[in-house]
mmCIF file of all heavy atoms, coordinates in Angstrom:
data_MODEL
# 
_entry.id   MODEL 
# 
loop_
_atom_site.group_PDB 
_atom_site.id 
_atom_site.type_symbol 
_atom_site.label_atom_id 
_atom_site.label_alt_id 
_atom_site.label_comp_id 
_atom_site.label_asym_id 
_atom_site.label_entity_id 
_atom_site.label_seq_id 
_atom_site.pdbx_PDB_ins_code 
_atom_site.Cartn_x 
_atom_site.Cartn_y 
_atom_site.Cartn_z 
_atom_site.occupancy 
_atom_site.B_iso_or_equiv 
_atom_site.pdbx_formal_charge 
_atom_site.auth_seq_id 
_atom_site.auth_comp_id 
_atom_site.auth_asym_id 
_atom_site.auth_atom_id 
_atom_site.pdbx_PDB_model_num 
ATOM 1   N N   . VAL A 1 1  ? -4.684  9.039   -5.294  1.00 0.00 ? 1  VAL A N   1 
ATOM 2   C CA  . VAL A 1 1  ? -5.458  8.024   -4.788  1.00 0.00 ? 1  VAL A CA  1 
ATOM 3   C C   . VAL A 1 1  ? -5.946  7.116   -5.781  1.00 0.00 ? 1  VAL A C   1 
ATOM 4   O O   . VAL A 1 1  ? -6.170  7.621   -6.991  1.00 0.00 ? 1  VAL A O   1 
ATOM 5   C CB  . VAL A 1 1  ? -6.584  8.416   -3.984  1.00 0.00 ? 1  VAL A CB  1 
ATOM 6   C CG1 . VAL A 1 1  ? -6.202  9.168   -2.620  1.00 0.00 ? 1  VAL A CG1 1 
ATOM 7   C CG2 . VAL A 1 1  ? -7.561  9.332   -4.635  1.00 0.00 ? 1  VAL A CG2 1 
ATOM 8   N N   . ALA A 1 2  ? -6.019  5.825   -5.668  1.00 0.00 ? 2  ALA A N   1 
ATOM 9   C CA  . ALA A 1 2  ? -6.429  4.839   -6.792  1.00 0.00 ? 2  ALA A CA  1 
ATOM 10  C C   . ALA A 1 2  ? -6.678  3.540   -6.055  1.00 0.00 ? 2  ALA A C   1 
ATOM 11  O O   . ALA A 1 2  ? -6.185  3.265   -4.904  1.00 0.00 ? 2  ALA A O   1 
ATOM 12  C CB  . ALA A 1 2  ? -5.453  4.697   -7.846  1.00 0.00 ? 2  ALA A CB  1 
ATOM 13  N N   . THR A 1 3  ? -7.305  2.726   -6.798  1.00 0.00 ? 3  THR A N   1 
ATOM 14  C CA  . THR A 1 3  ? -7.587  1.291   -6.462  1.00 0.00 ? 3  THR A CA  1 
ATOM 15  C C   . THR A 1 3  ? -6.879  0.414   -7.469  1.00 0.00 ? 3  THR A C   1 
ATOM 16  O O   . THR A 1 3  ? -7.045  0.781   -8.779  1.00 0.00 ? 3  THR A O   1 
ATOM 17  C CB  . THR A 1 3  ? -9.089  0.924   -6.303  1.00 0.00 ? 3  THR A CB  1 
ATOM 18  O OG1 . THR A 1 3  ? -9.615  1.780   -5.216  1.00 0.00 ? 3  THR A OG1 1 
ATOM 19  C CG2 . THR A 1 3  ? -9.317  -0.482  -5.967  1.00 0.00 ? 3  THR A CG2 1 
ATOM 20  N N   . PHE A 1 4  ? -6.417  -0.726  -7.068  1.00 0.00 ? 4  PHE A N   1 
ATOM 21  C CA  . PHE A 1 4  ? -5.671  -1.518  -8.035  1.00 0.00 ? 4  PHE A CA  1 
ATOM 22  C C   . PHE A 1 4  ? -5.727  -2.963  -7.614  1.00 0.00 ? 4  PHE A C   1 
ATOM 23  O O   . PHE A 1 4  ? -5.901  -3.366  -6.496  1.00 0.00 ? 4  PHE A O   1 
ATOM 24  C CB  . PHE A 1 4  ? -4.214  -1.087  -8.339  1.00 0.00 ? 4  PHE A CB  1 
ATOM 25  C CG  . PHE A 1 4  ? -3.432  -1.248  -7.147  1.00 0.00 ? 4  PHE A CG  1 
ATOM 26  C CD1 . PHE A 1 4  ? -2.512  -2.305  -6.966  1.00 0.00 ? 4  PHE A CD1 1 
ATOM 27  C CD2 . PHE A 1 4  ? -3.299  -0.153  -6.208  1.00 0.00 ? 4  PHE A CD2 1 
ATOM 28  C CE1 . PHE A 1 4  ? -1.773  -2.492  -5.800  1.00 0.00 ? 4  PHE A CE1 1 
ATOM 29  C CE2 . PHE A 1 4  ? -2.602  -0.313  -5.033  1.00 0.00 ? 4  PHE A CE2 1 
ATOM 30  C CZ  . PHE A 1 4  ? -1.728  -1.396  -4.920  1.00 0.00 ? 4  PHE A CZ  1 
ATOM 31  N N   . ARG A 1 5  ? -5.597  -3.874  -8.607  1.00 0.00 ? 5  ARG A N   1 
ATOM 32  C CA  . ARG A 1 5  ? -5.437  -5.328  -8.366  1.00 0.00 ? 5  ARG A CA  1 
ATOM 33  C C   . ARG A 1 5  ? -3.991  -5.786  -8.286  1.00 0.00 ? 5  ARG A C   1 
ATOM 34  O O   . ARG A 1 5  ? -3.214  -5.134  -9.017  1.00 0.00 ? 5  ARG A O   1 
ATOM 35  C CB  . ARG A 1 5  ? -6.241  -6.063  -9.368  1.00 0.00 ? 5  ARG A CB  1 
ATOM 36  C CG  . ARG A 1 5  ? -6.415  -7.684  -9.152  1.00 0.00 ? 5  ARG A CG  1 
ATOM 37  C CD  . ARG A 1 5  ? -7.384  -8.198  -10.087 1.00 0.00 ? 5  ARG A CD  1 
ATOM 38  N NE  . ARG A 1 5  ? -8.724  -7.619  -10.104 1.00 0.00 ? 5  ARG A NE  1 
ATOM 39  C CZ  . ARG A 1 5  ? -9.615  -7.996  -9.129  1.00 0.00 ? 5  ARG A CZ  1 
ATOM 40  N NH1 . ARG A 1 5  ? -9.277  -8.878  -8.250  1.00 0.00 ? 5  ARG A NH1 1 
ATOM 41  N NH2 . ARG A 1 5  ? -10.757 -7.381  -9.100  1.00 0.00 ? 5  ARG A NH2 1 
ATOM 42  N N   . HIS A 1 6  ? -3.633  -6.758  -7.602  1.00 0.00 ? 6  HIS A N   1 
ATOM 43  C CA  . HIS A 1 6  ? -2.257  -7.177  -7.566  1.00 0.00 ? 6  HIS A CA  1 
ATOM 44  C C   . HIS A 1 6  ? -2.219  -8.839  -7.446  1.00 0.00 ? 6  HIS A C   1 
ATOM 45  O O   . HIS A 1 6  ? -3.262  -9.479  -7.095  1.00 0.00 ? 6  HIS A O   1 
ATOM 46  C CB  . HIS A 1 6  ? -1.551  -6.668  -6.231  1.00 0.00 ? 6  HIS A CB  1 
ATOM 47  C CG  . HIS A 1 6  ? -2.415  -6.670  -4.977  1.00 0.00 ? 6  HIS A CG  1 
ATOM 48  N ND1 . HIS A 1 6  ? -2.596  -7.742  -4.113  1.00 0.00 ? 6  HIS A ND1 1 
ATOM 49  C CD2 . HIS A 1 6  ? -3.265  -5.618  -4.492  1.00 0.00 ? 6  HIS A CD2 1 
ATOM 50  C CE1 . HIS A 1 6  ? -3.408  -7.410  -3.196  1.00 0.00 ? 6  HIS A CE1 1 
ATOM 51  N NE2 . HIS A 1 6  ? -3.825  -6.220  -3.434  1.00 0.00 ? 6  HIS A NE2 1 
ATOM 52  N N   . GLN A 1 7  ? -1.079  -9.277  -7.855  1.00 0.00 ? 7  GLN A N   1 
ATOM 53  C CA  . GLN A 1 7  ? -1.031  -10.714 -7.938  1.00 0.00 ? 7  GLN A CA  1 
ATOM 54  C C   . GLN A 1 7  ? -0.786  -11.368 -6.668  1.00 0.00 ? 7  GLN A C   1 
ATOM 55  O O   . GLN A 1 7  ? -1.327  -12.559 -6.481  1.00 0.00 ? 7  GLN A O   1 
ATOM 56  C CB  . GLN A 1 7  ? 0.381   -10.990 -8.763  1.00 0.00 ? 7  GLN A CB  1 
ATOM 57  C CG  . GLN A 1 7  ? 0.733   -12.313 -8.999  1.00 0.00 ? 7  GLN A CG  1 
ATOM 58  C CD  . GLN A 1 7  ? 2.080   -12.512 -9.722  1.00 0.00 ? 7  GLN A CD  1 
ATOM 59  O OE1 . GLN A 1 7  ? 2.852   -11.623 -9.644  1.00 0.00 ? 7  GLN A OE1 1 
ATOM 60  N NE2 . GLN A 1 7  ? 2.339   -13.576 -10.521 1.00 0.00 ? 7  GLN A NE2 1 
ATOM 61  N N   . ARG A 1 8  ? -0.061  -10.897 -5.693  1.00 0.00 ? 8  ARG A N   1 
ATOM 62  C CA  . ARG A 1 8  ? 0.135   -11.616 -4.297  1.00 0.00 ? 8  ARG A CA  1 
ATOM 63  C C   . ARG A 1 8  ? -0.849  -11.044 -3.383  1.00 0.00 ? 8  ARG A C   1 
ATOM 64  O O   . ARG A 1 8  ? -1.229  -9.872  -3.361  1.00 0.00 ? 8  ARG A O   1 
ATOM 65  C CB  . ARG A 1 8  ? 1.572   -11.366 -3.872  1.00 0.00 ? 8  ARG A CB  1 
ATOM 66  C CG  . ARG A 1 8  ? 2.640   -11.912 -4.871  1.00 0.00 ? 8  ARG A CG  1 
ATOM 67  C CD  . ARG A 1 8  ? 4.006   -11.597 -4.274  1.00 0.00 ? 8  ARG A CD  1 
ATOM 68  N NE  . ARG A 1 8  ? 5.078   -12.074 -5.273  1.00 0.00 ? 8  ARG A NE  1 
ATOM 69  C CZ  . ARG A 1 8  ? 6.299   -11.573 -5.307  1.00 0.00 ? 8  ARG A CZ  1 
ATOM 70  N NH1 . ARG A 1 8  ? 6.681   -10.578 -4.571  1.00 0.00 ? 8  ARG A NH1 1 
ATOM 71  N NH2 . ARG A 1 8  ? 7.148   -12.069 -6.269  1.00 0.00 ? 8  ARG A NH2 1 
ATOM 72  N N   . PRO A 1 9  ? -1.185  -11.964 -2.378  1.00 0.00 ? 9  PRO A N   1 
ATOM 73  C CA  . PRO A 1 9  ? -2.193  -11.524 -1.383  1.00 0.00 ? 9  PRO A CA  1 
ATOM 74  C C   . PRO A 1 9  ? -1.659  -10.579 -0.353  1.00 0.00 ? 9  PRO A C   1 
ATOM 75  O O   . PRO A 1 9  ? -0.521  -10.488 -0.068  1.00 0.00 ? 9  PRO A O   1 
ATOM 76  C CB  . PRO A 1 9  ? -2.565  -12.830 -0.695  1.00 0.00 ? 9  PRO A CB  1 
ATOM 77  C CG  . PRO A 1 9  ? -1.356  -13.782 -0.924  1.00 0.00 ? 9  PRO A CG  1 
ATOM 78  C CD  . PRO A 1 9  ? -0.827  -13.258 -2.263  1.00 0.00 ? 9  PRO A CD  1 
ATOM 79  N N   . HIS A 1 10 ? -2.551  -9.538  -0.040  1.00 0.00 ? 10 HIS A N   1 
ATOM 80  C CA  . HIS A 1 10 ? -2.026  -8.594  1.065   1.00 0.00 ? 10 HIS A CA  1 
ATOM 81  C C   . HIS A 1 10 ? -2.222  -9.247  2.461   1.00 0.00 ? 10 HIS A C   1 
ATOM 82  O O   . HIS A 1 10 ? -1.676  -8.606  3.333   1.00 0.00 ? 10 HIS A O   1 
ATOM 83  C CB  . HIS A 1 10 ? -2.917  -7.326  0.929   1.00 0.00 ? 10 HIS A CB  1 
ATOM 84  C CG  . HIS A 1 10 ? -4.388  -7.538  0.871   1.00 0.00 ? 10 HIS A CG  1 
ATOM 85  N ND1 . HIS A 1 10 ? -5.137  -8.086  1.892   1.00 0.00 ? 10 HIS A ND1 1 
ATOM 86  C CD2 . HIS A 1 10 ? -5.369  -7.196  0.031   1.00 0.00 ? 10 HIS A CD2 1 
ATOM 87  C CE1 . HIS A 1 10 ? -6.455  -8.099  1.587   1.00 0.00 ? 10 HIS A CE1 1 
ATOM 88  N NE2 . HIS A 1 10 ? -6.480  -7.498  0.383   1.00 0.00 ? 10 HIS A NE2 1 
ATOM 89  N N   . ARG A 1 11 ? -2.992  -10.224 2.660   1.00 0.00 ? 11 ARG A N   1 
ATOM 90  C CA  . ARG A 1 11 ? -3.196  -10.964 3.923   1.00 0.00 ? 11 ARG A CA  1 
ATOM 91  C C   . ARG A 1 11 ? -3.698  -10.003 4.993   1.00 0.00 ? 11 ARG A C   1 
ATOM 92  O O   . ARG A 1 11 ? -3.354  -10.212 6.215   1.00 0.00 ? 11 ARG A O   1 
ATOM 93  C CB  . ARG A 1 11 ? -1.938  -11.562 4.355   1.00 0.00 ? 11 ARG A CB  1 
ATOM 94  C CG  . ARG A 1 11 ? -1.252  -12.558 3.442   1.00 0.00 ? 11 ARG A CG  1 
ATOM 95  C CD  . ARG A 1 11 ? -0.122  -13.392 3.820   1.00 0.00 ? 11 ARG A CD  1 
ATOM 96  N NE  . ARG A 1 11 ? 0.620   -14.071 2.787   1.00 0.00 ? 11 ARG A NE  1 
ATOM 97  C CZ  . ARG A 1 11 ? 0.124   -15.278 2.379   1.00 0.00 ? 11 ARG A CZ  1 
ATOM 98  N NH1 . ARG A 1 11 ? -1.038  -15.796 2.711   1.00 0.00 ? 11 ARG A NH1 1 
ATOM 99  N NH2 . ARG A 1 11 ? 0.784   -15.884 1.372   1.00 0.00 ? 11 ARG A NH2 1 
ATOM 100 N N   . GLY A 1 12 ? -4.522  -8.880  4.544   1.00 0.00 ? 12 GLY A N   1 
ATOM 101 C CA  . GLY A 1 12 ? -5.098  -8.078  5.516   1.00 0.00 ? 12 GLY A CA  1 
ATOM 102 C C   . GLY A 1 12 ? -4.183  -7.091  6.224   1.00 0.00 ? 12 GLY A C   1 
ATOM 103 O O   . GLY A 1 12 ? -4.430  -6.434  7.140   1.00 0.00 ? 12 GLY A O   1 
ATOM 104 N N   . VAL A 1 13 ? -3.012  -6.897  5.532   1.00 0.00 ? 13 VAL A N   1 
ATOM 105 C CA  . VAL A 1 13 ? -1.892  -5.979  6.157   1.00 0.00 ? 13 VAL A CA  1 
ATOM 106 C C   . VAL A 1 13 ? -1.789  -4.826  5.239   1.00 0.00 ? 13 VAL A C   1 
ATOM 107 O O   . VAL A 1 13 ? -1.726  -4.736  4.048   1.00 0.00 ? 13 VAL A O   1 
ATOM 108 C CB  . VAL A 1 13 ? -0.507  -6.718  6.137   1.00 0.00 ? 13 VAL A CB  1 
ATOM 109 C CG1 . VAL A 1 13 ? 0.573   -5.702  6.671   1.00 0.00 ? 13 VAL A CG1 1 
ATOM 110 C CG2 . VAL A 1 13 ? -0.507  -7.983  7.014   1.00 0.00 ? 13 VAL A CG2 1 
ATOM 111 N N   . SER A 1 14 ? -1.861  -3.639  6.082   1.00 0.00 ? 14 SER A N   1 
ATOM 112 C CA  . SER A 1 14 ? -1.711  -2.304  5.402   1.00 0.00 ? 14 SER A CA  1 
ATOM 113 C C   . SER A 1 14 ? -0.287  -1.919  5.442   1.00 0.00 ? 14 SER A C   1 
ATOM 114 O O   . SER A 1 14 ? 0.309   -2.099  6.510   1.00 0.00 ? 14 SER A O   1 
ATOM 115 C CB  . SER A 1 14 ? -2.648  -1.310  6.273   1.00 0.00 ? 14 SER A CB  1 
ATOM 116 O OG  . SER A 1 14 ? -2.449  -0.016  5.709   1.00 0.00 ? 14 SER A OG  1 
ATOM 117 N N   . THR A 1 15 ? 0.278   -1.541  4.385   1.00 0.00 ? 15 THR A N   1 
ATOM 118 C CA  . THR A 1 15 ? 1.694   -1.262  4.209   1.00 0.00 ? 15 THR A CA  1 
ATOM 119 C C   . THR A 1 15 ? 1.933   0.233   3.978   1.00 0.00 ? 15 THR A C   1 
ATOM 120 O O   . THR A 1 15 ? 1.215   0.795   3.202   1.00 0.00 ? 15 THR A O   1 
ATOM 121 C CB  . THR A 1 15 ? 2.269   -1.975  3.005   1.00 0.00 ? 15 THR A CB  1 
ATOM 122 O OG1 . THR A 1 15 ? 2.106   -3.337  3.124   1.00 0.00 ? 15 THR A OG1 1 
ATOM 123 C CG2 . THR A 1 15 ? 3.796   -1.740  2.824   1.00 0.00 ? 15 THR A CG2 1 
ATOM 124 N N   . GLU A 1 16 ? 2.711   0.882   4.851   1.00 0.00 ? 16 GLU A N   1 
ATOM 125 C CA  . GLU A 1 16 ? 2.980   2.200   4.779   1.00 0.00 ? 16 GLU A CA  1 
ATOM 126 C C   . GLU A 1 16 ? 4.620   2.443   4.751   1.00 0.00 ? 16 GLU A C   1 
ATOM 127 O O   . GLU A 1 16 ? 5.372   2.049   5.554   1.00 0.00 ? 16 GLU A O   1 
ATOM 128 C CB  . GLU A 1 16 ? 2.567   2.964   6.098   1.00 0.00 ? 16 GLU A CB  1 
ATOM 129 C CG  . GLU A 1 16 ? 2.672   4.483   6.241   1.00 0.00 ? 16 GLU A CG  1 
ATOM 130 C CD  . GLU A 1 16 ? 1.997   5.051   7.222   1.00 0.00 ? 16 GLU A CD  1 
ATOM 131 O OE1 . GLU A 1 16 ? 0.807   4.702   7.421   1.00 0.00 ? 16 GLU A OE1 1 
ATOM 132 O OE2 . GLU A 1 16 ? 2.566   5.881   7.872   1.00 0.00 ? 16 GLU A OE2 1 
ATOM 133 N N   . LEU A 1 17 ? 4.962   3.145   3.576   1.00 0.00 ? 17 LEU A N   1 
ATOM 134 C CA  . LEU A 1 17 ? 6.470   3.456   3.402   1.00 0.00 ? 17 LEU A CA  1 
ATOM 135 C C   . LEU A 1 17 ? 6.625   4.847   3.762   1.00 0.00 ? 17 LEU A C   1 
ATOM 136 O O   . LEU A 1 17 ? 5.972   5.835   3.308   1.00 0.00 ? 17 LEU A O   1 
ATOM 137 C CB  . LEU A 1 17 ? 6.770   3.324   1.866   1.00 0.00 ? 17 LEU A CB  1 
ATOM 138 C CG  . LEU A 1 17 ? 6.407   1.920   1.247   1.00 0.00 ? 17 LEU A CG  1 
ATOM 139 C CD1 . LEU A 1 17 ? 6.862   1.815   -0.092  1.00 0.00 ? 17 LEU A CD1 1 
ATOM 140 C CD2 . LEU A 1 17 ? 7.082   0.785   1.953   1.00 0.00 ? 17 LEU A CD2 1 
ATOM 141 N N   . HIS A 1 18 ? 7.507   5.166   4.653   1.00 0.00 ? 18 HIS A N   1 
ATOM 142 C CA  . HIS A 1 18 ? 7.922   6.439   5.072   1.00 0.00 ? 18 HIS A CA  1 
ATOM 143 C C   . HIS A 1 18 ? 9.007   6.959   4.201   1.00 0.00 ? 18 HIS A C   1 
ATOM 144 O O   . HIS A 1 18 ? 10.188  6.638   4.392   1.00 0.00 ? 18 HIS A O   1 
ATOM 145 C CB  . HIS A 1 18 ? 8.428   6.406   6.441   1.00 0.00 ? 18 HIS A CB  1 
ATOM 146 C CG  . HIS A 1 18 ? 7.107   6.368   7.412   1.00 0.00 ? 18 HIS A CG  1 
ATOM 147 N ND1 . HIS A 1 18 ? 7.453   6.459   8.842   1.00 0.00 ? 18 HIS A ND1 1 
ATOM 148 C CD2 . HIS A 1 18 ? 5.955   6.031   7.367   1.00 0.00 ? 18 HIS A CD2 1 
ATOM 149 C CE1 . HIS A 1 18 ? 6.160   6.275   9.492   1.00 0.00 ? 18 HIS A CE1 1 
ATOM 150 N NE2 . HIS A 1 18 ? 5.399   6.100   8.430   1.00 0.00 ? 18 HIS A NE2 1 
ATOM 151 N N   . ARG A 1 19 ? 8.737   7.805   3.146   1.00 0.00 ? 19 ARG A N   1 
ATOM 152 C CA  . ARG A 1 19 ? 9.613   8.277   2.084   1.00 0.00 ? 19 ARG A CA  1 
ATOM 153 C C   . ARG A 1 19 ? 9.822   9.714   2.401   1.00 0.00 ? 19 ARG A C   1 
ATOM 154 O O   . ARG A 1 19 ? 9.011   10.377  3.032   1.00 0.00 ? 19 ARG A O   1 
ATOM 155 C CB  . ARG A 1 19 ? 8.905   8.007   0.687   1.00 0.00 ? 19 ARG A CB  1 
ATOM 156 C CG  . ARG A 1 19 ? 8.494   6.589   0.471   1.00 0.00 ? 19 ARG A CG  1 
ATOM 157 C CD  . ARG A 1 19 ? 7.301   6.513   -0.631  1.00 0.00 ? 19 ARG A CD  1 
ATOM 158 N NE  . ARG A 1 19 ? 7.787   7.187   -1.871  1.00 0.00 ? 19 ARG A NE  1 
ATOM 159 C CZ  . ARG A 1 19 ? 7.308   8.413   -2.248  1.00 0.00 ? 19 ARG A CZ  1 
ATOM 160 N NH1 . ARG A 1 19 ? 6.436   8.988   -1.517  1.00 0.00 ? 19 ARG A NH1 1 
ATOM 161 N NH2 . ARG A 1 19 ? 7.683   8.980   -3.313  1.00 0.00 ? 19 ARG A NH2 1 
ATOM 162 N N   . ARG A 1 20 ? 10.960  10.181  1.782   1.00 0.00 ? 20 ARG A N   1 
ATOM 163 C CA  . ARG A 1 20 ? 11.390  11.492  2.032   1.00 0.00 ? 20 ARG A CA  1 
ATOM 164 C C   . ARG A 1 20 ? 10.324  12.544  1.497   1.00 0.00 ? 20 ARG A C   1 
ATOM 165 O O   . ARG A 1 20 ? 10.022  13.666  2.042   1.00 0.00 ? 20 ARG A O   1 
ATOM 166 C CB  . ARG A 1 20 ? 12.668  11.724  1.306   1.00 0.00 ? 20 ARG A CB  1 
ATOM 167 C CG  . ARG A 1 20 ? 13.269  13.265  1.301   1.00 0.00 ? 20 ARG A CG  1 
ATOM 168 C CD  . ARG A 1 20 ? 13.428  13.641  2.863   1.00 0.00 ? 20 ARG A CD  1 
ATOM 169 N NE  . ARG A 1 20 ? 14.295  12.889  3.655   1.00 0.00 ? 20 ARG A NE  1 
ATOM 170 C CZ  . ARG A 1 20 ? 15.490  13.025  3.735   1.00 0.00 ? 20 ARG A CZ  1 
ATOM 171 N NH1 . ARG A 1 20 ? 16.155  14.030  3.008   1.00 0.00 ? 20 ARG A NH1 1 
ATOM 172 N NH2 . ARG A 1 20 ? 16.262  12.262  4.404   1.00 0.00 ? 20 ARG A NH2 1 
ATOM 173 N N   . ALA A 1 21 ? 9.663   12.275  0.393   1.00 0.00 ? 21 ALA A N   1 
ATOM 174 C CA  . ALA A 1 21 ? 8.671   13.068  -0.120  1.00 0.00 ? 21 ALA A CA  1 
ATOM 175 C C   . ALA A 1 21 ? 7.329   12.990  0.437   1.00 0.00 ? 21 ALA A C   1 
ATOM 176 O O   . ALA A 1 21 ? 6.388   13.861  0.244   1.00 0.00 ? 21 ALA A O   1 
ATOM 177 C CB  . ALA A 1 21 ? 8.448   12.874  -1.839  1.00 0.00 ? 21 ALA A CB  1 
ATOM 178 N N   . GLY A 1 22 ? 7.097   11.991  1.325   1.00 0.00 ? 22 GLY A N   1 
ATOM 179 C CA  . GLY A 1 22 ? 5.792   11.715  2.036   1.00 0.00 ? 22 GLY A CA  1 
ATOM 180 C C   . GLY A 1 22 ? 5.577   10.198  1.958   1.00 0.00 ? 22 GLY A C   1 
ATOM 181 O O   . GLY A 1 22 ? 6.140   9.447   1.212   1.00 0.00 ? 22 GLY A O   1 
ATOM 182 N N   . PRO A 1 23 ? 4.639   9.851   2.875   1.00 0.00 ? 23 PRO A N   1 
ATOM 183 C CA  . PRO A 1 23 ? 4.168   8.501   2.935   1.00 0.00 ? 23 PRO A CA  1 
ATOM 184 C C   . PRO A 1 23 ? 3.536   7.985   1.790   1.00 0.00 ? 23 PRO A C   1 
ATOM 185 O O   . PRO A 1 23 ? 2.789   8.553   1.015   1.00 0.00 ? 23 PRO A O   1 
ATOM 186 C CB  . PRO A 1 23 ? 3.321   8.473   4.180   1.00 0.00 ? 23 PRO A CB  1 
ATOM 187 C CG  . PRO A 1 23 ? 3.305   9.704   4.759   1.00 0.00 ? 23 PRO A CG  1 
ATOM 188 C CD  . PRO A 1 23 ? 3.665   10.636  3.791   1.00 0.00 ? 23 PRO A CD  1 
ATOM 189 N N   . LEU A 1 24 ? 3.845   6.661   1.542   1.00 0.00 ? 24 LEU A N   1 
ATOM 190 C CA  . LEU A 1 24 ? 2.998   5.865   0.542   1.00 0.00 ? 24 LEU A CA  1 
ATOM 191 C C   . LEU A 1 24 ? 2.301   4.654   1.172   1.00 0.00 ? 24 LEU A C   1 
ATOM 192 O O   . LEU A 1 24 ? 3.007   3.942   1.815   1.00 0.00 ? 24 LEU A O   1 
ATOM 193 C CB  . LEU A 1 24 ? 3.930   5.321   -0.608  1.00 0.00 ? 24 LEU A CB  1 
ATOM 194 C CG  . LEU A 1 24 ? 3.300   4.754   -1.915  1.00 0.00 ? 24 LEU A CG  1 
ATOM 195 C CD1 . LEU A 1 24 ? 4.296   4.779   -2.946  1.00 0.00 ? 24 LEU A CD1 1 
ATOM 196 C CD2 . LEU A 1 24 ? 2.944   3.197   -1.590  1.00 0.00 ? 24 LEU A CD2 1 
ATOM 197 N N   . THR A 1 25 ? 1.031   4.670   1.079   1.00 0.00 ? 25 THR A N   1 
ATOM 198 C CA  . THR A 1 25 ? 0.179   3.686   1.859   1.00 0.00 ? 25 THR A CA  1 
ATOM 199 C C   . THR A 1 25 ? -0.562  2.888   1.058   1.00 0.00 ? 25 THR A C   1 
ATOM 200 O O   . THR A 1 25 ? -1.346  3.376   0.053   1.00 0.00 ? 25 THR A O   1 
ATOM 201 C CB  . THR A 1 25 ? -0.697  4.356   2.964   1.00 0.00 ? 25 THR A CB  1 
ATOM 202 O OG1 . THR A 1 25 ? 0.141   5.332   3.805   1.00 0.00 ? 25 THR A OG1 1 
ATOM 203 C CG2 . THR A 1 25 ? -1.396  3.406   3.810   1.00 0.00 ? 25 THR A CG2 1 
ATOM 204 N N   . VAL A 1 26 ? -0.603  1.517   1.149   1.00 0.00 ? 26 VAL A N   1 
ATOM 205 C CA  . VAL A 1 26 ? -1.402  0.559   0.427   1.00 0.00 ? 26 VAL A CA  1 
ATOM 206 C C   . VAL A 1 26 ? -2.278  -0.081  1.497   1.00 0.00 ? 26 VAL A C   1 
ATOM 207 O O   . VAL A 1 26 ? -1.764  -0.746  2.412   1.00 0.00 ? 26 VAL A O   1 
ATOM 208 C CB  . VAL A 1 26 ? -0.602  -0.424  -0.312  1.00 0.00 ? 26 VAL A CB  1 
ATOM 209 C CG1 . VAL A 1 26 ? -1.478  -1.412  -1.038  1.00 0.00 ? 26 VAL A CG1 1 
ATOM 210 C CG2 . VAL A 1 26 ? 0.241   0.356   -1.311  1.00 0.00 ? 26 VAL A CG2 1 
ATOM 211 N N   . VAL A 1 27 ? -3.637  0.193   1.463   1.00 0.00 ? 27 VAL A N   1 
ATOM 212 C CA  . VAL A 1 27 ? -4.598  -0.458  2.393   1.00 0.00 ? 27 VAL A CA  1 
ATOM 213 C C   . VAL A 1 27 ? -5.261  -1.587  1.733   1.00 0.00 ? 27 VAL A C   1 
ATOM 214 O O   . VAL A 1 27 ? -5.788  -1.634  0.645   1.00 0.00 ? 27 VAL A O   1 
ATOM 215 C CB  . VAL A 1 27 ? -5.621  0.634   2.910   1.00 0.00 ? 27 VAL A CB  1 
ATOM 216 C CG1 . VAL A 1 27 ? -6.523  0.109   4.010   1.00 0.00 ? 27 VAL A CG1 1 
ATOM 217 C CG2 . VAL A 1 27 ? -4.839  1.928   3.284   1.00 0.00 ? 27 VAL A CG2 1 
ATOM 218 N N   . PRO A 1 28 ? -5.422  -2.796  2.451   1.00 0.00 ? 28 PRO A N   1 
ATOM 219 C CA  . PRO A 1 28 ? -6.028  -3.895  1.912   1.00 0.00 ? 28 PRO A CA  1 
ATOM 220 C C   . PRO A 1 28 ? -7.518  -3.655  1.511   1.00 0.00 ? 28 PRO A C   1 
ATOM 221 O O   . PRO A 1 28 ? -8.353  -3.121  2.455   1.00 0.00 ? 28 PRO A O   1 
ATOM 222 C CB  . PRO A 1 28 ? -5.766  -4.932  3.010   1.00 0.00 ? 28 PRO A CB  1 
ATOM 223 C CG  . PRO A 1 28 ? -5.658  -4.263  4.217   1.00 0.00 ? 28 PRO A CG  1 
ATOM 224 C CD  . PRO A 1 28 ? -4.903  -2.995  3.753   1.00 0.00 ? 28 PRO A CD  1 
# 
């Protein structure tokens, strides 16, 4: 778990990647 800053706006969308080792989720 961590918090980070990013260049492009997230537009209020939570992104969840379903990966073989487990999900990766980025919450706005």
